[in-house]
Protein backbone atom coordinates (compact mmCIF):
# COMPACT_ATOMS: atom_id res chain seq x y z
CA UNK A 1 0.00 0.00 0.00
CA UNK A 2 1.48 3.36 -1.02
CA UNK A 3 1.67 6.45 1.15
CA UNK A 4 -0.86 8.03 -1.21
CA UNK A 5 -3.33 5.22 -0.57
CA UNK A 6 -2.87 5.83 3.15
CA UNK A 7 -3.64 9.53 2.57
CA UNK A 8 -6.70 8.63 0.48
CA UNK A 9 -7.88 6.30 3.27
CA UNK A 10 -7.22 9.06 5.86
CA UNK A 11 -4.71 6.87 7.67
CA UNK A 12 -2.13 9.66 7.58
CA UNK A 13 -2.68 13.42 7.30
CA UNK A 14 -2.04 15.56 4.22
CA UNK A 15 -2.88 19.03 3.03
CA UNK A 16 -5.77 18.09 0.72
CA UNK A 17 -6.82 20.94 -1.54
CA UNK A 18 -9.30 19.16 -3.80
CA UNK A 19 -11.07 15.82 -3.95
CA UNK A 20 -13.60 14.06 -6.12
CA UNK A 21 -14.75 10.45 -6.43
CA UNK A 22 -11.65 9.14 -8.19
CA UNK A 23 -8.96 11.81 -7.65
CA UNK A 24 -7.36 13.64 -4.75
CA UNK A 25 -5.05 16.67 -4.92
CA UNK A 26 -2.56 17.40 -2.17
CA UNK A 27 0.29 19.82 -1.57
CA UNK A 28 3.72 18.28 -2.05
CA UNK A 29 5.55 18.10 1.29
CA UNK A 30 8.87 18.90 -0.44
CA UNK A 31 7.80 21.56 -2.96
CA UNK A 32 10.04 22.33 -5.92
CA UNK A 33 8.09 25.50 -6.80
CA UNK A 34 5.91 28.09 -5.09
CA UNK A 35 2.89 26.00 -6.10
CA UNK A 36 3.58 22.27 -6.14
CA UNK A 37 0.55 20.01 -6.09
CA UNK A 38 0.15 16.29 -6.65
CA UNK A 39 -2.88 15.06 -8.59
CA UNK A 40 -3.39 11.45 -7.58
CA UNK A 41 -5.86 8.84 -8.79
CA UNK A 42 -7.52 6.97 -5.96
CA UNK A 43 -6.85 3.74 -7.82
CA UNK A 44 -3.34 2.61 -6.94
CA UNK A 45 -1.37 2.28 -10.17
CA UNK A 46 2.38 1.92 -9.51
CA UNK A 47 3.83 3.53 -12.66
CA UNK A 48 2.75 4.85 -16.05
CA UNK A 49 3.95 1.50 -17.43
CA UNK A 50 1.28 -0.24 -15.33
CA UNK A 51 -1.64 1.63 -16.92
CA UNK A 52 -4.34 -0.56 -18.43
CA UNK A 53 -6.80 0.28 -21.19
CA UNK A 54 -9.48 0.76 -18.54
CA UNK A 55 -7.37 3.56 -16.98
CA UNK A 56 -7.71 5.92 -19.96
CA UNK A 57 -10.57 7.79 -18.32
CA UNK A 58 -8.80 8.42 -15.02
CA UNK A 59 -5.68 9.61 -16.79
CA UNK A 60 -7.72 12.10 -18.82
CA UNK A 61 -9.56 13.19 -15.67
CA UNK A 62 -6.23 13.98 -14.00
CA UNK A 63 -5.51 16.53 -16.75
CA UNK A 64 -8.96 18.09 -16.47
CA UNK A 65 -8.50 18.40 -12.70
CA UNK A 66 -5.10 20.07 -13.31
CA UNK A 67 -6.77 22.56 -15.66
CA UNK A 68 -9.49 23.32 -13.08
CA UNK A 69 -7.03 23.75 -10.21
CA UNK A 70 -4.79 26.03 -12.29
CA UNK A 71 -7.77 28.20 -13.21
CA UNK A 72 -9.03 28.28 -9.60
CA UNK A 73 -5.56 29.40 -8.45
CA UNK A 74 -5.27 32.02 -11.20
CA UNK A 75 -2.19 30.38 -12.72
CA UNK A 76 -3.77 28.98 -15.89
CA UNK A 77 -1.07 30.62 -18.04
CA UNK A 78 1.81 29.95 -15.62
CA UNK A 79 2.13 26.25 -14.82
CA UNK A 80 3.59 22.99 -16.01
CA UNK A 81 2.60 19.36 -15.54
CA UNK A 82 4.99 16.48 -15.04
CA UNK A 83 4.89 12.72 -14.57
CA UNK A 84 8.03 11.00 -13.27
CA UNK A 85 8.40 7.34 -14.20
CA UNK A 86 10.43 4.98 -12.02
CA UNK A 87 12.97 5.96 -9.41
CA UNK A 88 15.69 6.63 -12.02
CA UNK A 89 13.56 9.51 -13.29
CA UNK A 90 12.43 10.86 -9.94
CA UNK A 91 9.31 8.84 -9.08
CA UNK A 92 9.57 8.55 -5.30
CA UNK A 93 6.16 7.00 -4.59
CA UNK A 94 5.11 4.00 -6.65
CA UNK A 95 1.56 5.28 -7.19
CA UNK A 96 1.19 7.46 -10.29
CA UNK A 97 0.73 11.15 -9.67
CA UNK A 98 0.80 14.25 -11.81
CA UNK A 99 2.86 17.18 -10.55
CA UNK A 100 1.37 20.65 -11.09
CA UNK A 101 4.07 23.29 -10.61
CA UNK A 102 4.09 27.06 -10.84
CA UNK A 103 6.28 29.86 -9.54
CA UNK A 104 3.26 32.16 -9.29
C-alpha atoms as a PDB file:
ATOM      1  CA  UNK A   1       0.000   0.000   0.000  1.00  0.00           C
ATOM      2  CA  UNK A   2       1.476   3.363  -1.023  1.00  0.00           C
ATOM      3  CA  UNK A   3       1.670   6.450   1.155  1.00  0.00           C
ATOM      4  CA  UNK A   4      -0.862   8.033  -1.209  1.00  0.00           C
ATOM      5  CA  UNK A   5      -3.329   5.223  -0.568  1.00  0.00           C
ATOM      6  CA  UNK A   6      -2.873   5.827   3.155  1.00  0.00           C
ATOM      7  CA  UNK A   7      -3.642   9.526   2.572  1.00  0.00           C
ATOM      8  CA  UNK A   8      -6.703   8.633   0.478  1.00  0.00           C
ATOM      9  CA  UNK A   9      -7.881   6.300   3.275  1.00  0.00           C
ATOM     10  CA  UNK A  10      -7.224   9.057   5.860  1.00  0.00           C
ATOM     11  CA  UNK A  11      -4.711   6.870   7.675  1.00  0.00           C
ATOM     12  CA  UNK A  12      -2.127   9.661   7.577  1.00  0.00           C
ATOM     13  CA  UNK A  13      -2.677  13.424   7.297  1.00  0.00           C
ATOM     14  CA  UNK A  14      -2.043  15.557   4.220  1.00  0.00           C
ATOM     15  CA  UNK A  15      -2.885  19.034   3.026  1.00  0.00           C
ATOM     16  CA  UNK A  16      -5.775  18.095   0.724  1.00  0.00           C
ATOM     17  CA  UNK A  17      -6.816  20.941  -1.542  1.00  0.00           C
ATOM     18  CA  UNK A  18      -9.300  19.158  -3.805  1.00  0.00           C
ATOM     19  CA  UNK A  19     -11.075  15.824  -3.950  1.00  0.00           C
ATOM     20  CA  UNK A  20     -13.603  14.061  -6.117  1.00  0.00           C
ATOM     21  CA  UNK A  21     -14.751  10.450  -6.426  1.00  0.00           C
ATOM     22  CA  UNK A  22     -11.654   9.135  -8.192  1.00  0.00           C
ATOM     23  CA  UNK A  23      -8.963  11.809  -7.652  1.00  0.00           C
ATOM     24  CA  UNK A  24      -7.364  13.637  -4.753  1.00  0.00           C
ATOM     25  CA  UNK A  25      -5.053  16.671  -4.924  1.00  0.00           C
ATOM     26  CA  UNK A  26      -2.559  17.399  -2.169  1.00  0.00           C
ATOM     27  CA  UNK A  27       0.289  19.822  -1.571  1.00  0.00           C
ATOM     28  CA  UNK A  28       3.722  18.283  -2.048  1.00  0.00           C
ATOM     29  CA  UNK A  29       5.552  18.099   1.287  1.00  0.00           C
ATOM     30  CA  UNK A  30       8.870  18.895  -0.437  1.00  0.00           C
ATOM     31  CA  UNK A  31       7.797  21.558  -2.959  1.00  0.00           C
ATOM     32  CA  UNK A  32      10.041  22.333  -5.916  1.00  0.00           C
ATOM     33  CA  UNK A  33       8.090  25.496  -6.797  1.00  0.00           C
ATOM     34  CA  UNK A  34       5.905  28.093  -5.086  1.00  0.00           C
ATOM     35  CA  UNK A  35       2.892  26.005  -6.095  1.00  0.00           C
ATOM     36  CA  UNK A  36       3.584  22.270  -6.144  1.00  0.00           C
ATOM     37  CA  UNK A  37       0.547  20.013  -6.092  1.00  0.00           C
ATOM     38  CA  UNK A  38       0.146  16.288  -6.646  1.00  0.00           C
ATOM     39  CA  UNK A  39      -2.876  15.062  -8.595  1.00  0.00           C
ATOM     40  CA  UNK A  40      -3.386  11.452  -7.583  1.00  0.00           C
ATOM     41  CA  UNK A  41      -5.864   8.839  -8.788  1.00  0.00           C
ATOM     42  CA  UNK A  42      -7.517   6.966  -5.959  1.00  0.00           C
ATOM     43  CA  UNK A  43      -6.850   3.737  -7.824  1.00  0.00           C
ATOM     44  CA  UNK A  44      -3.344   2.612  -6.938  1.00  0.00           C
ATOM     45  CA  UNK A  45      -1.374   2.276 -10.175  1.00  0.00           C
ATOM     46  CA  UNK A  46       2.377   1.924  -9.507  1.00  0.00           C
ATOM     47  CA  UNK A  47       3.828   3.534 -12.665  1.00  0.00           C
ATOM     48  CA  UNK A  48       2.753   4.846 -16.048  1.00  0.00           C
ATOM     49  CA  UNK A  49       3.949   1.498 -17.430  1.00  0.00           C
ATOM     50  CA  UNK A  50       1.278  -0.245 -15.329  1.00  0.00           C
ATOM     51  CA  UNK A  51      -1.636   1.632 -16.921  1.00  0.00           C
ATOM     52  CA  UNK A  52      -4.343  -0.557 -18.428  1.00  0.00           C
ATOM     53  CA  UNK A  53      -6.803   0.275 -21.189  1.00  0.00           C
ATOM     54  CA  UNK A  54      -9.479   0.758 -18.541  1.00  0.00           C
ATOM     55  CA  UNK A  55      -7.372   3.564 -16.982  1.00  0.00           C
ATOM     56  CA  UNK A  56      -7.713   5.916 -19.959  1.00  0.00           C
ATOM     57  CA  UNK A  57     -10.571   7.792 -18.318  1.00  0.00           C
ATOM     58  CA  UNK A  58      -8.804   8.416 -15.018  1.00  0.00           C
ATOM     59  CA  UNK A  59      -5.684   9.606 -16.795  1.00  0.00           C
ATOM     60  CA  UNK A  60      -7.722  12.104 -18.824  1.00  0.00           C
ATOM     61  CA  UNK A  61      -9.559  13.192 -15.672  1.00  0.00           C
ATOM     62  CA  UNK A  62      -6.231  13.983 -14.004  1.00  0.00           C
ATOM     63  CA  UNK A  63      -5.510  16.528 -16.749  1.00  0.00           C
ATOM     64  CA  UNK A  64      -8.958  18.088 -16.470  1.00  0.00           C
ATOM     65  CA  UNK A  65      -8.495  18.399 -12.701  1.00  0.00           C
ATOM     66  CA  UNK A  66      -5.104  20.070 -13.313  1.00  0.00           C
ATOM     67  CA  UNK A  67      -6.771  22.558 -15.655  1.00  0.00           C
ATOM     68  CA  UNK A  68      -9.489  23.318 -13.081  1.00  0.00           C
ATOM     69  CA  UNK A  69      -7.032  23.752 -10.211  1.00  0.00           C
ATOM     70  CA  UNK A  70      -4.788  26.032 -12.286  1.00  0.00           C
ATOM     71  CA  UNK A  71      -7.766  28.195 -13.206  1.00  0.00           C
ATOM     72  CA  UNK A  72      -9.026  28.282  -9.602  1.00  0.00           C
ATOM     73  CA  UNK A  73      -5.560  29.398  -8.448  1.00  0.00           C
ATOM     74  CA  UNK A  74      -5.269  32.018 -11.201  1.00  0.00           C
ATOM     75  CA  UNK A  75      -2.192  30.375 -12.724  1.00  0.00           C
ATOM     76  CA  UNK A  76      -3.766  28.976 -15.891  1.00  0.00           C
ATOM     77  CA  UNK A  77      -1.065  30.618 -18.035  1.00  0.00           C
ATOM     78  CA  UNK A  78       1.806  29.946 -15.622  1.00  0.00           C
ATOM     79  CA  UNK A  79       2.127  26.252 -14.820  1.00  0.00           C
ATOM     80  CA  UNK A  80       3.586  22.994 -16.008  1.00  0.00           C
ATOM     81  CA  UNK A  81       2.603  19.363 -15.542  1.00  0.00           C
ATOM     82  CA  UNK A  82       4.990  16.482 -15.037  1.00  0.00           C
ATOM     83  CA  UNK A  83       4.893  12.720 -14.568  1.00  0.00           C
ATOM     84  CA  UNK A  84       8.032  11.005 -13.269  1.00  0.00           C
ATOM     85  CA  UNK A  85       8.399   7.344 -14.195  1.00  0.00           C
ATOM     86  CA  UNK A  86      10.429   4.976 -12.023  1.00  0.00           C
ATOM     87  CA  UNK A  87      12.969   5.965  -9.414  1.00  0.00           C
ATOM     88  CA  UNK A  88      15.693   6.635 -12.023  1.00  0.00           C
ATOM     89  CA  UNK A  89      13.564   9.509 -13.287  1.00  0.00           C
ATOM     90  CA  UNK A  90      12.428  10.857  -9.942  1.00  0.00           C
ATOM     91  CA  UNK A  91       9.312   8.842  -9.078  1.00  0.00           C
ATOM     92  CA  UNK A  92       9.575   8.553  -5.299  1.00  0.00           C
ATOM     93  CA  UNK A  93       6.164   6.996  -4.593  1.00  0.00           C
ATOM     94  CA  UNK A  94       5.107   3.997  -6.655  1.00  0.00           C
ATOM     95  CA  UNK A  95       1.560   5.285  -7.194  1.00  0.00           C
ATOM     96  CA  UNK A  96       1.186   7.459 -10.288  1.00  0.00           C
ATOM     97  CA  UNK A  97       0.729  11.146  -9.667  1.00  0.00           C
ATOM     98  CA  UNK A  98       0.798  14.246 -11.810  1.00  0.00           C
ATOM     99  CA  UNK A  99       2.859  17.184 -10.548  1.00  0.00           C
ATOM    100  CA  UNK A 100       1.372  20.650 -11.088  1.00  0.00           C
ATOM    101  CA  UNK A 101       4.065  23.289 -10.611  1.00  0.00           C
ATOM    102  CA  UNK A 102       4.093  27.063 -10.836  1.00  0.00           C
ATOM    103  CA  UNK A 103       6.282  29.865  -9.540  1.00  0.00           C
ATOM    104  CA  UNK A 104       3.264  32.155  -9.286  1.00  0.00           C
END
